Protein backbone atom coordinates (compact mmCIF):
# COMPACT_ATOMS: atom_id res chain seq x y z
CA MET A 1 30.72 31.07 -23.86
CA ALA A 2 33.10 33.28 -22.01
CA ASP A 3 31.71 34.17 -18.59
CA VAL A 4 30.51 37.75 -18.57
CA PRO A 5 31.05 39.82 -15.42
CA GLN A 6 27.76 40.78 -13.97
CA LYS A 7 26.67 43.05 -11.16
CA PRO A 8 23.52 42.51 -8.95
CA THR A 9 20.71 44.82 -10.00
CA GLY A 10 18.39 44.29 -7.30
CA LYS A 11 18.26 43.07 -3.62
CA LEU A 12 15.73 40.64 -1.80
CA PRO A 13 14.97 41.25 1.87
CA PRO A 14 16.01 38.66 4.49
CA LEU A 15 13.01 36.28 3.84
CA PRO A 16 12.45 33.24 6.42
CA TRP A 17 13.49 30.71 3.71
CA MET A 18 16.70 32.40 2.99
CA THR A 19 17.78 32.92 6.69
CA ALA A 20 16.61 29.33 7.87
CA PRO A 21 19.57 27.48 9.56
CA GLU A 22 19.02 24.58 7.05
CA THR A 23 19.54 26.96 4.04
CA ARG A 24 22.48 28.60 5.64
CA ALA A 25 24.12 25.16 6.27
CA ILE A 26 23.58 24.26 2.61
CA PHE A 27 25.31 27.41 1.45
CA ALA A 28 28.15 26.98 3.60
CA ALA A 29 28.90 23.40 2.39
CA LEU A 30 28.56 24.53 -1.29
CA GLU A 31 30.75 27.38 -0.74
CA ALA A 32 33.69 25.66 1.15
CA GLY A 33 35.20 24.84 -2.16
CA GLY A 34 35.49 28.73 -2.82
CA LYS A 35 32.95 29.14 -5.53
CA GLU A 36 29.70 31.04 -5.03
CA ALA A 37 26.16 29.45 -5.04
CA ARG A 38 22.93 31.11 -5.69
CA PHE A 39 19.22 30.71 -5.26
CA VAL A 40 17.82 30.17 -9.07
CA GLY A 41 14.58 30.01 -10.73
CA GLY A 42 11.11 29.78 -9.04
CA CYS A 43 12.16 30.80 -5.64
CA VAL A 44 13.71 33.91 -6.93
CA ARG A 45 10.81 34.95 -8.97
CA ASN A 46 8.24 34.04 -6.48
CA ALA A 47 10.19 36.32 -4.08
CA VAL A 48 10.23 39.22 -6.47
CA PHE A 49 6.49 38.95 -7.09
CA GLY A 50 5.84 38.78 -3.50
CA ILE A 51 4.16 35.48 -3.45
CA GLU A 52 4.84 32.10 -1.24
CA VAL A 53 8.09 30.26 -1.93
CA LYS A 54 7.59 26.42 -1.88
CA ASP A 55 10.60 24.83 -3.48
CA ILE A 56 14.34 26.14 -3.22
CA ASP A 57 16.30 25.67 -6.19
CA ILE A 58 20.13 26.34 -5.74
CA ALA A 59 22.91 26.46 -8.52
CA THR A 60 26.57 26.38 -8.23
CA PRO A 61 29.47 26.04 -10.80
CA GLU A 62 30.60 22.93 -8.76
CA LYS A 63 30.38 19.63 -10.70
CA PRO A 64 27.66 17.33 -9.38
CA GLU A 65 30.24 14.83 -7.90
CA ARG A 66 32.08 17.80 -5.89
CA VAL A 67 28.46 18.93 -4.61
CA MET A 68 28.21 15.30 -3.10
CA GLU A 69 31.33 15.61 -1.69
CA LEU A 70 31.04 19.04 -0.18
CA LEU A 71 27.66 18.14 1.31
CA GLU A 72 28.58 14.93 2.79
CA ALA A 73 31.90 16.54 4.24
CA ALA A 74 29.38 18.77 5.97
CA GLY A 75 27.27 16.02 7.31
CA ILE A 76 24.33 16.63 5.01
CA LYS A 77 22.53 13.89 3.36
CA ALA A 78 23.05 14.11 -0.48
CA ILE A 79 21.06 12.17 -2.96
CA PRO A 80 22.07 11.83 -6.57
CA THR A 81 18.36 12.38 -8.17
CA GLY A 82 19.71 13.49 -11.50
CA ILE A 83 23.39 13.57 -11.39
CA GLU A 84 24.07 12.94 -14.88
CA HIS A 85 22.10 16.34 -15.68
CA GLY A 86 23.61 17.85 -12.63
CA THR A 87 21.09 17.63 -9.96
CA VAL A 88 21.56 16.60 -6.45
CA THR A 89 19.31 16.80 -3.69
CA ALA A 90 20.33 17.82 -0.24
CA ILE A 91 18.07 17.05 2.77
CA ILE A 92 18.49 18.45 6.28
CA ASP A 93 15.65 17.86 8.83
CA SER A 94 13.42 16.49 6.05
CA HIS A 95 13.71 19.65 4.16
CA PRO A 96 14.75 18.96 0.35
CA TYR A 97 16.99 21.57 -1.46
CA GLU A 98 17.66 20.91 -5.21
CA ILE A 99 21.01 21.90 -6.29
CA THR A 100 21.99 21.87 -9.93
CA THR A 101 25.39 22.49 -11.53
CA LEU A 102 25.47 25.27 -14.05
CA ARG A 103 25.14 23.91 -17.56
CA VAL A 104 24.51 24.48 -21.19
CA ASP A 105 22.52 22.38 -23.52
CA VAL A 106 24.38 20.21 -26.00
CA GLU A 107 21.51 18.44 -27.58
CA ASN A 108 17.67 18.73 -26.89
CA HIS A 109 15.51 15.96 -27.05
CA GLY A 110 12.17 16.86 -24.89
CA ARG A 111 12.36 16.56 -21.23
CA HIS A 112 15.95 15.63 -20.76
CA ALA A 113 18.53 17.60 -22.79
CA SER A 114 22.07 16.45 -23.04
CA VAL A 115 24.20 18.95 -21.29
CA ALA A 116 27.62 20.02 -20.57
CA PHE A 117 28.62 21.71 -17.10
CA THR A 118 29.87 25.18 -17.07
CA ASP A 119 30.81 28.02 -14.60
CA ASP A 120 29.00 30.72 -16.64
CA TRP A 121 26.04 32.07 -15.01
CA LEU A 122 24.83 33.77 -18.19
CA ALA A 123 24.96 30.63 -20.09
CA ASP A 124 22.97 28.77 -17.71
CA ALA A 125 20.28 31.78 -17.79
CA LEU A 126 20.15 31.44 -21.66
CA ARG A 127 19.08 27.71 -21.51
CA ARG A 128 15.78 28.53 -19.16
CA ASP A 129 12.58 29.00 -20.74
CA PHE A 130 11.18 32.41 -19.68
CA THR A 131 12.98 35.51 -18.67
CA ILE A 132 11.22 35.55 -15.37
CA ASN A 133 12.98 32.27 -14.47
CA THR A 134 16.47 33.56 -15.19
CA LEU A 135 16.81 35.56 -12.03
CA SER A 136 19.43 34.29 -9.25
CA SER A 137 20.32 35.46 -5.96
CA THR A 138 22.91 35.31 -3.34
CA LEU A 139 22.31 34.15 0.12
CA ASP A 140 22.49 37.73 1.08
CA GLY A 141 19.73 38.67 -1.34
CA ASP A 142 21.68 40.37 -4.16
CA ILE A 143 19.78 39.68 -7.39
CA TYR A 144 21.37 38.93 -10.76
CA ASP A 145 19.13 39.62 -13.65
CA PRO A 146 21.06 38.85 -16.83
CA LEU A 147 18.00 38.80 -19.34
CA SER A 148 15.92 41.77 -17.84
CA GLY A 149 13.37 39.28 -15.87
CA ILE A 150 12.79 42.06 -13.17
CA GLU A 151 11.64 44.48 -15.96
CA ASP A 152 9.29 41.60 -17.31
CA ILE A 153 8.04 40.97 -13.55
CA ALA A 154 7.13 44.63 -13.39
CA LEU A 155 5.39 44.60 -16.63
CA ARG A 156 3.79 41.12 -15.90
CA TRP A 157 5.04 39.90 -19.36
CA VAL A 158 5.69 36.50 -19.82
CA ARG A 159 8.40 36.21 -22.46
CA PHE A 160 10.59 33.27 -23.70
CA VAL A 161 14.37 33.46 -23.50
CA GLY A 162 15.31 33.62 -27.21
CA ILE A 163 12.90 32.66 -30.00
CA ALA A 164 9.91 31.29 -28.75
CA ARG A 165 9.22 28.69 -31.63
CA GLU A 166 12.91 27.46 -30.99
CA ARG A 167 12.30 27.11 -27.17
CA ILE A 168 9.10 24.92 -27.38
CA GLU A 169 10.73 22.73 -29.95
CA GLU A 170 13.45 21.93 -27.20
CA ASP A 171 10.73 20.80 -25.11
CA LEU A 172 6.93 20.92 -25.97
CA LEU A 173 5.72 21.08 -22.55
CA ARG A 174 7.04 24.76 -22.57
CA LEU A 175 3.74 25.36 -24.67
CA LEU A 176 1.56 24.37 -21.96
CA ARG A 177 4.01 26.07 -19.31
CA PHE A 178 3.67 29.37 -21.26
CA PHE A 179 -0.17 29.20 -20.67
CA ARG A 180 0.30 28.38 -17.13
CA PHE A 181 2.74 31.07 -16.44
CA GLN A 182 0.51 33.66 -18.45
CA ALA A 183 -2.24 32.73 -15.94
CA MET A 184 0.16 33.09 -12.84
CA PHE A 185 2.10 35.94 -13.70
CA GLY A 186 0.99 37.58 -16.87
CA ASN A 187 -1.49 40.43 -17.67
CA ARG A 188 -3.89 40.88 -20.60
CA SER A 189 -1.17 41.75 -22.95
CA ILE A 190 0.31 38.47 -24.23
CA ASP A 191 3.42 37.94 -26.62
CA LYS A 192 2.13 37.43 -30.15
CA ASP A 193 5.29 35.84 -31.26
CA ALA A 194 4.80 33.38 -28.18
CA LEU A 195 0.99 32.71 -29.28
CA ALA A 196 1.93 32.17 -32.95
CA ALA A 197 4.51 29.54 -31.97
CA CYS A 198 1.97 27.89 -29.64
CA ARG A 199 -0.52 27.81 -32.50
CA LEU A 200 1.98 26.31 -34.98
CA LEU A 201 3.25 23.62 -32.56
CA ALA A 202 0.13 22.63 -30.88
CA PRO A 203 -0.52 19.56 -33.12
CA ARG A 204 2.66 18.01 -31.69
CA LEU A 205 1.31 18.17 -28.13
CA ASN A 206 0.34 14.44 -28.60
CA GLU A 207 4.04 13.88 -28.54
CA LEU A 208 4.23 14.46 -24.81
CA SER A 209 3.32 11.90 -22.23
CA ALA A 210 -0.09 11.76 -20.79
CA GLU A 211 1.43 12.20 -17.25
CA ARG A 212 3.21 15.54 -18.41
CA VAL A 213 0.02 16.89 -19.85
CA ARG A 214 -2.26 16.21 -17.08
CA SER A 215 0.43 17.68 -14.67
CA GLU A 216 0.59 20.86 -16.56
CA LEU A 217 -3.04 20.88 -17.30
CA PHE A 218 -3.74 20.63 -13.30
CA ARG A 219 -1.43 23.52 -12.85
CA ILE A 220 -3.29 25.66 -15.20
CA LEU A 221 -6.52 24.79 -13.66
CA GLU A 222 -5.06 25.62 -10.16
CA ALA A 223 -4.10 29.08 -11.42
CA PRO A 224 -6.13 32.30 -10.94
CA ASN A 225 -9.17 32.70 -13.19
CA PRO A 226 -8.44 29.23 -15.00
CA ALA A 227 -11.68 29.86 -17.29
CA ASP A 228 -9.84 32.95 -18.92
CA THR A 229 -6.54 30.75 -19.73
CA LEU A 230 -8.67 27.90 -21.11
CA ILE A 231 -10.76 30.23 -23.34
CA LEU A 232 -7.57 31.81 -24.58
CA MET A 233 -6.25 28.49 -25.38
CA LYS A 234 -9.59 27.20 -27.40
CA GLY A 235 -9.36 30.50 -29.21
CA GLU A 236 -5.86 29.99 -30.34
CA ARG A 237 -6.55 26.17 -31.23
CA ILE A 238 -4.41 24.80 -28.63
CA LEU A 239 -7.26 23.18 -26.26
CA GLU A 240 -8.48 20.92 -29.24
CA HIS A 241 -5.25 19.05 -29.23
CA PHE A 242 -5.45 17.48 -25.86
CA LEU A 243 -8.67 18.58 -24.20
CA PRO A 244 -11.46 19.00 -26.90
CA GLU A 245 -14.24 18.03 -24.35
CA ALA A 246 -13.62 21.27 -22.55
CA GLU A 247 -16.72 23.72 -23.15
CA ASN A 248 -18.55 24.79 -20.16
CA PHE A 249 -16.18 27.74 -19.24
CA GLY A 250 -18.95 29.41 -17.56
CA ARG A 251 -19.33 26.80 -14.95
CA LEU A 252 -15.55 26.76 -14.41
CA ARG A 253 -15.61 30.36 -13.94
CA MET A 254 -18.34 29.96 -11.21
CA ILE A 255 -16.62 26.98 -9.61
CA TYR A 256 -13.48 29.03 -9.17
CA TRP A 257 -15.54 31.84 -7.53
CA LEU A 258 -17.21 29.55 -5.20
CA GLU A 259 -13.96 27.86 -4.10
CA THR A 260 -11.95 30.93 -3.70
CA THR A 261 -14.48 33.88 -3.04
CA ALA A 262 -18.11 33.32 -2.38
CA ILE A 263 -17.98 30.70 0.38
CA ASN A 264 -15.61 30.26 3.42
CA VAL A 265 -15.92 26.35 3.99
CA PRO A 266 -12.82 24.45 5.42
CA ASN A 267 -13.65 21.33 3.07
CA VAL A 268 -14.26 23.52 0.17
CA LYS A 269 -10.77 24.00 -1.32
CA PRO A 270 -9.42 24.63 -5.03
CA ASP A 271 -9.56 21.41 -6.59
CA PRO A 272 -8.07 20.89 -10.39
CA LEU A 273 -9.82 17.62 -10.78
CA ARG A 274 -13.45 19.31 -10.01
CA ARG A 275 -12.43 22.26 -12.04
CA LEU A 276 -11.63 20.01 -15.03
CA THR A 277 -15.02 18.32 -14.59
CA ALA A 278 -16.76 21.58 -14.46
CA THR A 279 -15.68 22.24 -18.20
CA LEU A 280 -17.38 19.09 -19.28
CA SER A 281 -20.70 18.04 -20.78
CA ASN A 282 -22.77 15.17 -19.64
CA ASP A 283 -20.96 12.33 -21.42
CA PRO A 284 -19.95 9.67 -18.86
CA ALA A 285 -18.46 7.28 -21.76
CA GLY A 286 -16.56 10.31 -23.32
CA HIS A 287 -15.17 11.20 -19.79
CA GLU A 288 -14.15 7.47 -19.21
CA ALA A 289 -12.00 7.81 -22.37
CA LEU A 290 -10.66 11.47 -21.19
CA ALA A 291 -9.53 9.79 -17.85
CA GLN A 292 -7.60 6.98 -19.60
CA ARG A 293 -6.05 9.38 -21.94
CA LEU A 294 -4.84 11.83 -19.00
CA ARG A 295 -3.90 8.58 -17.02
CA LEU A 296 -5.96 9.41 -14.17
CA SER A 297 -5.52 7.35 -11.19
CA LYS A 298 -8.20 4.94 -10.15
CA LYS A 299 -9.44 7.17 -7.36
CA GLN A 300 -9.38 10.31 -9.57
CA SER A 301 -11.44 8.23 -12.44
CA ALA A 302 -14.06 6.95 -10.03
CA ARG A 303 -14.39 10.60 -8.57
CA MET A 304 -14.78 12.11 -12.10
CA ALA A 305 -17.39 9.33 -12.96
CA VAL A 306 -19.36 10.42 -9.73
CA MET A 307 -19.15 14.04 -10.86
CA THR A 308 -20.12 13.42 -14.47
CA GLY A 309 -23.09 11.10 -13.64
CA ASP A 310 -26.79 11.86 -12.96
CA LEU A 311 -26.95 9.79 -9.81
CA ASN A 312 -29.04 11.86 -7.22
CA ALA A 313 -27.65 15.03 -8.28
CA PRO A 314 -28.48 17.18 -5.20
CA THR A 315 -30.44 20.40 -5.42
CA PRO A 316 -31.90 22.64 -2.76
CA GLU A 317 -35.48 21.34 -3.70
CA MET A 318 -34.72 17.83 -2.59
CA SER A 319 -36.32 16.42 0.59
CA GLU A 320 -34.21 15.41 3.62
CA LEU A 321 -34.91 11.83 2.66
CA GLU A 322 -33.64 12.50 -0.85
CA ARG A 323 -30.70 14.20 0.60
CA ASP A 324 -29.79 11.46 2.88
CA LEU A 325 -29.98 8.74 -0.06
CA ALA A 326 -27.95 10.93 -2.22
CA LEU A 327 -25.23 11.18 0.61
CA PHE A 328 -25.45 7.40 1.23
CA ASP A 329 -24.82 6.61 -2.39
CA LEU A 330 -22.31 9.30 -3.20
CA GLY A 331 -20.44 9.78 0.08
CA SER A 332 -19.52 13.04 1.49
CA GLU A 333 -16.87 13.98 -1.16
CA GLY A 334 -19.08 12.94 -4.18
CA PHE A 335 -22.04 14.74 -2.68
CA ARG A 336 -20.07 17.88 -2.14
CA ASP A 337 -18.46 17.95 -5.40
CA LEU A 338 -22.10 17.56 -7.05
CA VAL A 339 -23.37 20.41 -4.95
CA LEU A 340 -20.67 22.61 -6.03
CA LEU A 341 -21.12 21.76 -9.74
CA GLN A 342 -24.90 22.20 -9.68
CA TRP A 343 -24.58 25.43 -7.92
CA ALA A 344 -21.89 26.75 -10.22
CA GLN A 345 -23.92 25.68 -13.28
CA GLU A 346 -27.08 27.44 -11.84
CA MET A 347 -24.91 30.45 -11.26
CA SER A 348 -23.35 30.44 -14.80
CA VAL A 349 -27.02 30.68 -16.12
CA GLU A 350 -28.37 33.19 -13.68
CA PRO A 351 -25.81 34.69 -11.44
CA ARG A 352 -28.18 37.28 -9.36
CA ARG A 353 -30.09 34.74 -6.82
CA ARG A 354 -31.54 35.60 -3.73
CA PRO A 355 -29.32 35.27 -0.53
CA GLU A 356 -31.82 32.58 0.61
CA ARG A 357 -30.86 30.53 -2.38
CA SER A 358 -27.29 30.54 -1.37
CA LEU A 359 -28.08 29.61 2.10
CA ALA A 360 -30.05 26.63 0.71
CA TRP A 361 -26.89 25.51 -1.45
CA LEU A 362 -24.52 25.95 1.85
CA ALA A 363 -26.94 23.54 3.93
CA LEU A 364 -26.27 21.09 1.57
CA ILE A 365 -22.51 21.62 1.85
CA ASP A 366 -22.93 21.53 5.61
CA ALA A 367 -24.93 18.40 5.38
CA ALA A 368 -22.07 16.60 3.64
CA ASP A 369 -19.49 18.10 6.22
CA THR A 370 -21.76 16.50 9.15
CA TRP A 371 -22.69 13.40 7.45
CA THR A 372 -22.00 9.96 9.00
CA GLN A 373 -22.34 7.07 6.76
CA PRO A 374 -24.77 4.61 8.18
CA ILE A 375 -23.99 0.99 8.33
CA PHE A 376 -26.53 -1.84 7.12
CA PRO A 377 -26.95 -3.69 10.32
CA ILE A 378 -27.50 -7.30 8.97
CA LYS A 379 -24.97 -9.48 6.54
CA GLY A 380 -25.34 -12.77 4.78
CA LYS A 381 -24.81 -14.87 7.87
CA ASP A 382 -28.11 -13.63 9.11
CA ALA A 383 -29.98 -14.98 6.17
CA LEU A 384 -27.98 -18.28 6.59
CA ASP A 385 -29.13 -18.23 10.30
CA LEU A 386 -32.77 -18.03 9.27
CA GLY A 387 -32.34 -21.24 7.21
CA LEU A 388 -31.68 -19.73 3.78
CA GLU A 389 -29.09 -21.99 1.82
CA HIS A 390 -25.66 -20.44 0.19
CA GLY A 391 -26.49 -18.97 -3.10
CA PRO A 392 -27.70 -15.95 -5.04
CA THR A 393 -30.76 -15.80 -3.17
CA ILE A 394 -28.72 -14.46 -0.16
CA GLY A 395 -27.81 -11.45 -2.15
CA THR A 396 -31.40 -10.88 -3.56
CA VAL A 397 -33.07 -10.95 -0.06
CA LEU A 398 -30.51 -8.69 1.42
CA ASP A 399 -30.93 -6.18 -1.45
CA ALA A 400 -34.58 -6.08 -0.63
CA VAL A 401 -34.05 -5.47 2.96
CA GLU A 402 -31.57 -2.82 2.30
CA THR A 403 -33.91 -1.01 -0.10
CA TRP A 404 -36.53 -1.07 2.58
CA TRP A 405 -34.03 0.17 5.30
CA ARG A 406 -32.93 3.01 2.73
CA ASP A 407 -36.69 3.90 2.08
CA GLY A 408 -37.18 4.53 5.85
CA GLY A 409 -34.22 6.80 5.94
CA PHE A 410 -31.92 4.30 7.69
CA LYS A 411 -33.58 4.43 10.86
CA ALA A 412 -34.56 0.71 11.32
CA GLU A 413 -31.96 -0.94 13.71
CA ARG A 414 -30.82 -4.55 13.68
CA GLU A 415 -34.16 -6.37 15.38
CA LEU A 416 -36.41 -4.45 12.76
CA CYS A 417 -34.11 -5.39 9.85
CA LEU A 418 -33.89 -9.05 11.09
CA GLY A 419 -37.80 -9.01 11.14
CA GLN A 420 -37.92 -7.51 7.79
CA LEU A 421 -35.27 -10.01 6.60
CA LYS A 422 -37.29 -12.91 7.78
CA LYS A 423 -40.52 -11.86 6.15
CA VAL A 424 -38.64 -11.23 2.76
CA ILE A 425 -37.20 -15.04 3.15
CA GLU A 426 -40.75 -16.21 3.99
CA ASP A 427 -42.15 -14.60 0.88
CA LYS A 428 -39.33 -16.10 -1.25
CA THR A 429 -39.86 -19.49 -0.04
């Protein structure tokens, strides 16, 4: 495809991430060969939307090997992170910059297409997923908009580049990305052709790796009002192909409200795993299967198991001892998760509650934040010192003393626990 001369159609102000010395050094290195480099993709899109820019992506017509040479000549560390696909990562003072050579797809086969390098900015834009991701910008802020992405941003319209079905078939993850971008940037008007393509191709989501599905699902759950997005996906028969367990969208809506609006507690932050669990019914065995299907880490699986179990589910009606026992069994994180889930469930059924009720729930969260886990003051050696022989009886008597210690609110110190241990051993023998 011949390069089509273009003119900038917009202007970004000099934002901090653009004017940073590290960024300017990267551009100086890349343009030392005489070819223009530009910011591309998400950083330009987010800047136009006026939201935070986290990752800086840069494109250049220079071939990846030449990019490596230019960076190294400028004394900049260059890592060939995906050099066969044109990607090099530059690092200055621990700041990573992903630099990709302009390219066109030769053959698509999922996550990594076979590509050819080009110097055609339009051809590179045409291979991207959504029009709002096709913007590019010079270091001085001149925006190039070959596919009317700025207009779609203004309309909050999420639109595939080209034919939706073809773009999804190139990489099925784009199906889930459509809903994530709809949640992040869209409005209530939704591209009907895109929805139809998503419905048609949803049965093929099982072709994606669990890790890619999980990553995109968590990003959807981190988006604003994730319940609206999951309800849309359920209605379009998308959700049934990778998350059929999700059904409690009212509780998810309330969890989102609690995390982002209702309360201001430092340890209560938006959490995709908690939000995912909010959608689930109480089925520990089913959730274990879900954890395996999504390839959750051991830590995530254990946390979900706590959130989906019935162990000491905290409520404002519990006594101080019951609260402390629940904190001991669950730990601060598990206790806090369950408080939020229980509170959200209550709000989903009856949202109008007296202020005193909210204060009671907040008191439980405060208890989790100030909780110090008590340490059982005796060990197996103490039982041996009292004459008990090695064997399973040691565990039995220690469990009995620990139950006594717990029932007393963890107040008994070592000497009292040793006295109780002696009594239990005498009863046993």
